[in-house]
Amino acid sequence: MKKILLVEDNTMNCELIKDILQLGNYQITTTENGVEALNLLKSESFDLVLTDINLPKMDGIEFIHKFGEFENAAKIVAMTSDLTAKNGKTFEEIGFDGYIQKPFKVSDFRQYIKNMLEES
């Protein structure tokens, strides 16, 4: 079973995304910010990390810079309504393996996750 770490501070979004992912038979671990996510990555391995960009304590951009220090995750994907990451750069240019634009269609989201996990 593929393991996914979901980093999302909005409780409703977190529950919705978690429910969608569980339908795909994935094991989901959730956390509310980048600091907690980094702590989890010290001891657990994940096939995919999905992270919101606007997070408390450590946003998704700062998280991606520290994420490179860990080999416990195969891929990291940004989830955001903003299509540019920072200073006009794309998410891929700053280190993400991809991004999902919010809001998303459930069918598109499920297919995107499936494709990302098949590539790893």
N, C-alpha and C. Protein backbone atom coordinates (compact mmCIF):
# COMPACT_ATOMS: atom_id res chain seq x y z
N MET A 1 0.85 -1.18 0.00
CA MET A 1 0.00 0.00 0.00
C MET A 1 0.89 1.24 0.00
N LYS A 2 0.60 2.16 -0.89
CA LYS A 2 1.38 3.40 -1.00
C LYS A 2 1.04 4.33 0.17
N LYS A 3 2.08 4.99 0.68
CA LYS A 3 1.91 5.91 1.81
C LYS A 3 2.01 7.36 1.34
N ILE A 4 1.03 8.15 1.79
CA ILE A 4 0.98 9.56 1.43
C ILE A 4 0.95 10.41 2.70
N LEU A 5 1.80 11.43 2.72
CA LEU A 5 1.78 12.42 3.80
C LEU A 5 1.06 13.65 3.27
N LEU A 6 -0.01 14.05 3.94
CA LEU A 6 -0.81 15.21 3.57
C LEU A 6 -0.54 16.33 4.57
N VAL A 7 -0.02 17.45 4.08
CA VAL A 7 0.28 18.61 4.93
C VAL A 7 -0.74 19.69 4.58
N GLU A 8 -1.73 19.86 5.44
CA GLU A 8 -2.85 20.77 5.18
C GLU A 8 -3.38 21.30 6.50
N ASP A 9 -3.45 22.63 6.64
CA ASP A 9 -3.90 23.22 7.90
C ASP A 9 -5.40 23.47 7.96
N ASN A 10 -6.09 23.46 6.83
CA ASN A 10 -7.53 23.66 6.82
C ASN A 10 -8.21 22.32 7.09
N THR A 11 -8.90 22.22 8.22
CA THR A 11 -9.49 20.95 8.66
C THR A 11 -10.45 20.37 7.63
N MET A 12 -11.30 21.21 7.06
CA MET A 12 -12.26 20.71 6.08
C MET A 12 -11.57 20.20 4.82
N ASN A 13 -10.58 20.95 4.32
CA ASN A 13 -9.82 20.49 3.15
C ASN A 13 -9.09 19.19 3.46
N CYS A 14 -8.51 19.12 4.64
CA CYS A 14 -7.75 17.93 5.04
C CYS A 14 -8.66 16.70 5.04
N GLU A 15 -9.82 16.81 5.65
CA GLU A 15 -10.74 15.67 5.70
C GLU A 15 -11.23 15.27 4.31
N LEU A 16 -11.54 16.25 3.48
CA LEU A 16 -12.00 15.97 2.13
C LEU A 16 -10.92 15.24 1.32
N ILE A 17 -9.72 15.78 1.35
CA ILE A 17 -8.61 15.18 0.59
C ILE A 17 -8.29 13.79 1.13
N LYS A 18 -8.28 13.66 2.44
CA LYS A 18 -8.02 12.35 3.06
C LYS A 18 -9.07 11.33 2.62
N ASP A 19 -10.34 11.71 2.64
CA ASP A 19 -11.41 10.79 2.21
C ASP A 19 -11.23 10.38 0.75
N ILE A 20 -10.90 11.33 -0.11
CA ILE A 20 -10.70 11.03 -1.53
C ILE A 20 -9.54 10.05 -1.70
N LEU A 21 -8.45 10.29 -0.99
CA LEU A 21 -7.28 9.44 -1.11
C LEU A 21 -7.52 8.04 -0.55
N GLN A 22 -8.27 7.94 0.53
CA GLN A 22 -8.55 6.63 1.10
C GLN A 22 -9.37 5.76 0.15
N LEU A 23 -10.17 6.38 -0.71
CA LEU A 23 -10.91 5.63 -1.72
C LEU A 23 -9.96 4.95 -2.70
N GLY A 24 -8.77 5.51 -2.85
CA GLY A 24 -7.76 4.94 -3.73
C GLY A 24 -6.91 3.89 -3.04
N ASN A 25 -7.28 3.53 -1.82
CA ASN A 25 -6.59 2.50 -1.05
C ASN A 25 -5.15 2.89 -0.71
N TYR A 26 -4.97 4.16 -0.35
CA TYR A 26 -3.66 4.64 0.09
C TYR A 26 -3.68 4.80 1.61
N GLN A 27 -2.52 4.65 2.21
CA GLN A 27 -2.37 4.91 3.64
C GLN A 27 -2.04 6.39 3.81
N ILE A 28 -2.87 7.12 4.55
CA ILE A 28 -2.73 8.56 4.66
C ILE A 28 -2.32 8.96 6.07
N THR A 29 -1.30 9.81 6.15
CA THR A 29 -0.90 10.44 7.40
C THR A 29 -1.08 11.93 7.19
N THR A 30 -1.64 12.62 8.17
CA THR A 30 -1.88 14.05 8.02
C THR A 30 -1.12 14.84 9.08
N THR A 31 -0.79 16.07 8.72
CA THR A 31 -0.18 17.02 9.64
C THR A 31 -0.58 18.42 9.20
N GLU A 32 -0.49 19.38 10.12
CA GLU A 32 -1.00 20.72 9.85
C GLU A 32 0.03 21.72 9.36
N ASN A 33 1.33 21.39 9.43
CA ASN A 33 2.33 22.36 9.00
C ASN A 33 3.63 21.68 8.62
N GLY A 34 4.53 22.45 8.02
CA GLY A 34 5.80 21.92 7.55
C GLY A 34 6.71 21.44 8.65
N VAL A 35 6.66 22.06 9.81
CA VAL A 35 7.51 21.65 10.94
C VAL A 35 7.14 20.22 11.35
N GLU A 36 5.84 19.97 11.53
CA GLU A 36 5.39 18.63 11.90
C GLU A 36 5.72 17.62 10.79
N ALA A 37 5.58 18.03 9.55
CA ALA A 37 5.87 17.14 8.42
C ALA A 37 7.34 16.74 8.42
N LEU A 38 8.23 17.71 8.65
CA LEU A 38 9.66 17.39 8.68
C LEU A 38 9.98 16.42 9.82
N ASN A 39 9.32 16.60 10.95
CA ASN A 39 9.53 15.67 12.06
C ASN A 39 9.09 14.26 11.70
N LEU A 40 7.98 14.13 11.00
CA LEU A 40 7.52 12.81 10.56
C LEU A 40 8.50 12.19 9.57
N LEU A 41 9.06 13.01 8.68
CA LEU A 41 9.99 12.50 7.68
C LEU A 41 11.30 12.00 8.28
N LYS A 42 11.59 12.38 9.50
CA LYS A 42 12.78 11.89 10.18
C LYS A 42 12.66 10.40 10.52
N SER A 43 11.43 9.94 10.71
CA SER A 43 11.25 8.57 11.18
C SER A 43 10.40 7.69 10.25
N GLU A 44 9.71 8.28 9.30
CA GLU A 44 8.84 7.50 8.42
C GLU A 44 9.15 7.78 6.96
N SER A 45 8.89 6.78 6.13
CA SER A 45 9.04 6.94 4.68
C SER A 45 7.67 7.09 4.03
N PHE A 46 7.60 7.92 3.00
CA PHE A 46 6.36 8.15 2.27
C PHE A 46 6.65 8.07 0.77
N ASP A 47 5.67 7.59 0.02
CA ASP A 47 5.79 7.53 -1.42
C ASP A 47 5.49 8.88 -2.05
N LEU A 48 4.69 9.70 -1.35
CA LEU A 48 4.28 10.99 -1.88
C LEU A 48 3.95 11.92 -0.72
N VAL A 49 4.35 13.18 -0.86
CA VAL A 49 3.97 14.22 0.08
C VAL A 49 3.15 15.25 -0.68
N LEU A 50 1.96 15.54 -0.18
CA LEU A 50 1.09 16.59 -0.74
C LEU A 50 1.09 17.72 0.27
N THR A 51 1.50 18.90 -0.14
CA THR A 51 1.55 20.01 0.81
C THR A 51 0.86 21.26 0.28
N ASP A 52 0.05 21.84 1.15
CA ASP A 52 -0.49 23.16 0.88
C ASP A 52 0.69 24.13 0.90
N ILE A 53 0.55 25.27 0.27
CA ILE A 53 1.63 26.26 0.26
C ILE A 53 1.48 27.24 1.42
N ASN A 54 0.26 27.66 1.70
CA ASN A 54 0.02 28.63 2.78
C ASN A 54 -0.25 27.88 4.09
N LEU A 55 0.81 27.70 4.87
CA LEU A 55 0.73 26.95 6.12
C LEU A 55 1.26 27.79 7.28
N PRO A 56 0.80 27.51 8.49
CA PRO A 56 1.37 28.19 9.66
C PRO A 56 2.74 27.58 10.01
N LYS A 57 3.52 28.30 10.76
CA LYS A 57 4.84 27.89 11.27
C LYS A 57 5.90 27.78 10.18
N MET A 58 5.60 27.05 9.10
CA MET A 58 6.54 26.91 7.99
C MET A 58 5.73 26.69 6.73
N ASP A 59 5.79 27.63 5.80
CA ASP A 59 4.97 27.49 4.60
C ASP A 59 5.56 26.44 3.66
N GLY A 60 4.81 26.14 2.62
CA GLY A 60 5.22 25.10 1.68
C GLY A 60 6.52 25.40 0.95
N ILE A 61 6.82 26.67 0.72
CA ILE A 61 8.06 27.04 0.03
C ILE A 61 9.26 26.78 0.93
N GLU A 62 9.18 27.18 2.18
CA GLU A 62 10.26 26.90 3.12
C GLU A 62 10.39 25.39 3.33
N PHE A 63 9.25 24.71 3.39
CA PHE A 63 9.24 23.26 3.56
C PHE A 63 9.98 22.55 2.43
N ILE A 64 9.77 22.98 1.18
CA ILE A 64 10.43 22.32 0.05
C ILE A 64 11.95 22.47 0.12
N HIS A 65 12.42 23.58 0.64
CA HIS A 65 13.86 23.77 0.76
C HIS A 65 14.46 22.82 1.79
N LYS A 66 13.76 22.55 2.85
CA LYS A 66 14.24 21.61 3.87
C LYS A 66 13.95 20.16 3.49
N PHE A 67 12.94 19.95 2.67
CA PHE A 67 12.53 18.62 2.24
C PHE A 67 13.67 17.87 1.56
N GLY A 68 14.49 18.59 0.83
CA GLY A 68 15.61 17.97 0.11
C GLY A 68 16.61 17.27 1.02
N GLU A 69 16.58 17.58 2.31
CA GLU A 69 17.48 16.94 3.26
C GLU A 69 17.05 15.52 3.60
N PHE A 70 15.83 15.15 3.23
CA PHE A 70 15.28 13.85 3.60
C PHE A 70 15.15 12.95 2.40
N GLU A 71 15.44 11.69 2.62
CA GLU A 71 15.28 10.71 1.55
C GLU A 71 14.12 9.78 1.86
N ASN A 72 13.27 10.18 2.80
CA ASN A 72 12.16 9.35 3.22
C ASN A 72 10.89 9.61 2.44
N ALA A 73 10.99 10.33 1.34
CA ALA A 73 9.83 10.59 0.50
C ALA A 73 10.27 10.60 -0.95
N ALA A 74 9.49 9.96 -1.78
CA ALA A 74 9.85 9.87 -3.19
C ALA A 74 9.54 11.15 -3.94
N LYS A 75 8.35 11.72 -3.71
CA LYS A 75 7.94 12.89 -4.47
C LYS A 75 7.19 13.86 -3.57
N ILE A 76 7.20 15.13 -3.98
CA ILE A 76 6.46 16.16 -3.26
C ILE A 76 5.68 17.02 -4.25
N VAL A 77 4.41 17.23 -3.94
CA VAL A 77 3.50 17.97 -4.81
C VAL A 77 2.87 19.11 -4.03
N ALA A 78 2.88 20.31 -4.62
CA ALA A 78 2.25 21.48 -4.01
C ALA A 78 0.75 21.47 -4.34
N MET A 79 -0.05 21.91 -3.37
CA MET A 79 -1.48 22.09 -3.59
C MET A 79 -1.79 23.55 -3.28
N THR A 80 -2.28 24.28 -4.29
CA THR A 80 -2.47 25.71 -4.11
C THR A 80 -3.42 26.28 -5.14
N SER A 81 -3.93 27.46 -4.87
CA SER A 81 -4.75 28.16 -5.86
C SER A 81 -3.89 29.12 -6.68
N ASP A 82 -2.65 29.34 -6.26
CA ASP A 82 -1.73 30.25 -6.93
C ASP A 82 -0.81 29.44 -7.85
N LEU A 83 -0.73 29.81 -9.11
CA LEU A 83 0.06 29.03 -10.06
C LEU A 83 1.55 29.35 -10.09
N THR A 84 1.96 30.42 -9.44
CA THR A 84 3.39 30.71 -9.37
C THR A 84 3.84 30.56 -7.92
N ALA A 85 5.00 30.01 -7.75
CA ALA A 85 5.48 29.68 -6.42
C ALA A 85 6.11 30.88 -5.71
N LYS A 86 7.11 31.47 -6.31
CA LYS A 86 7.83 32.56 -5.66
C LYS A 86 8.67 33.27 -6.71
N ASN A 87 8.63 34.58 -6.69
CA ASN A 87 9.41 35.37 -7.64
C ASN A 87 9.15 34.96 -9.08
N GLY A 88 7.91 34.57 -9.39
CA GLY A 88 7.55 34.21 -10.75
C GLY A 88 8.01 32.83 -11.19
N LYS A 89 8.64 32.08 -10.31
CA LYS A 89 9.11 30.74 -10.66
C LYS A 89 7.95 29.74 -10.57
N THR A 90 8.06 28.67 -11.33
CA THR A 90 7.07 27.60 -11.23
C THR A 90 7.43 26.72 -10.03
N PHE A 91 6.47 25.91 -9.64
CA PHE A 91 6.73 25.00 -8.51
C PHE A 91 7.84 24.01 -8.85
N GLU A 92 7.87 23.56 -10.08
CA GLU A 92 8.91 22.62 -10.50
C GLU A 92 10.30 23.27 -10.43
N GLU A 93 10.38 24.56 -10.78
CA GLU A 93 11.67 25.26 -10.75
C GLU A 93 12.24 25.39 -9.34
N ILE A 94 11.39 25.37 -8.32
CA ILE A 94 11.94 25.48 -6.96
C ILE A 94 12.03 24.13 -6.25
N GLY A 95 11.68 23.05 -6.95
CA GLY A 95 11.94 21.73 -6.37
C GLY A 95 10.76 20.78 -6.22
N PHE A 96 9.54 21.25 -6.47
CA PHE A 96 8.40 20.35 -6.38
C PHE A 96 8.36 19.45 -7.61
N ASP A 97 7.80 18.26 -7.43
CA ASP A 97 7.64 17.34 -8.55
C ASP A 97 6.40 17.68 -9.38
N GLY A 98 5.56 18.54 -8.86
CA GLY A 98 4.36 18.95 -9.56
C GLY A 98 3.49 19.77 -8.65
N TYR A 99 2.31 20.13 -9.14
CA TYR A 99 1.36 20.89 -8.32
C TYR A 99 -0.05 20.53 -8.72
N ILE A 100 -0.94 20.74 -7.79
CA ILE A 100 -2.37 20.55 -8.00
C ILE A 100 -3.03 21.88 -7.69
N GLN A 101 -3.78 22.40 -8.65
CA GLN A 101 -4.44 23.68 -8.44
C GLN A 101 -5.77 23.46 -7.72
N LYS A 102 -5.97 24.24 -6.65
CA LYS A 102 -7.24 24.23 -5.93
C LYS A 102 -8.13 25.31 -6.51
N PRO A 103 -9.40 25.13 -6.59
CA PRO A 103 -10.11 23.86 -6.36
C PRO A 103 -9.87 22.89 -7.52
N PHE A 104 -10.07 21.62 -7.26
CA PHE A 104 -9.84 20.62 -8.28
C PHE A 104 -11.07 19.72 -8.42
N LYS A 105 -11.16 19.08 -9.57
CA LYS A 105 -12.20 18.06 -9.77
C LYS A 105 -11.69 16.77 -9.14
N VAL A 106 -12.56 16.09 -8.41
CA VAL A 106 -12.16 14.87 -7.71
C VAL A 106 -11.57 13.84 -8.67
N SER A 107 -12.19 13.65 -9.81
CA SER A 107 -11.69 12.66 -10.77
C SER A 107 -10.30 13.03 -11.28
N ASP A 108 -10.07 14.31 -11.55
CA ASP A 108 -8.75 14.75 -12.01
C ASP A 108 -7.71 14.57 -10.91
N PHE A 109 -8.08 14.91 -9.68
CA PHE A 109 -7.18 14.76 -8.54
C PHE A 109 -6.77 13.30 -8.35
N ARG A 110 -7.75 12.42 -8.36
CA ARG A 110 -7.46 10.99 -8.15
C ARG A 110 -6.54 10.46 -9.26
N GLN A 111 -6.78 10.87 -10.50
CA GLN A 111 -5.94 10.41 -11.62
C GLN A 111 -4.52 10.96 -11.49
N TYR A 112 -4.41 12.22 -11.09
CA TYR A 112 -3.09 12.85 -10.92
C TYR A 112 -2.28 12.10 -9.86
N ILE A 113 -2.90 11.80 -8.73
CA ILE A 113 -2.21 11.08 -7.65
C ILE A 113 -1.80 9.69 -8.13
N LYS A 114 -2.69 9.00 -8.80
CA LYS A 114 -2.38 7.68 -9.33
C LYS A 114 -1.17 7.75 -10.26
N ASN A 115 -1.17 8.73 -11.18
CA ASN A 115 -0.06 8.88 -12.12
C ASN A 115 1.24 9.18 -11.39
N MET A 116 1.21 10.07 -10.39
CA MET A 116 2.42 10.41 -9.65
C MET A 116 3.00 9.19 -8.94
N LEU A 117 2.14 8.37 -8.37
CA LEU A 117 2.61 7.19 -7.65
C LEU A 117 3.09 6.09 -8.58
N GLU A 118 2.54 6.02 -9.77
CA GLU A 118 3.00 5.02 -10.74
C GLU A 118 4.38 5.37 -11.27
N GLU A 119 4.71 6.66 -11.30
CA GLU A 119 6.01 7.10 -11.80
C GLU A 119 7.13 6.88 -10.79
N SER A 120 6.78 6.69 -9.52
CA SER A 120 7.84 6.55 -8.49
C SER A 120 8.32 5.14 -8.35
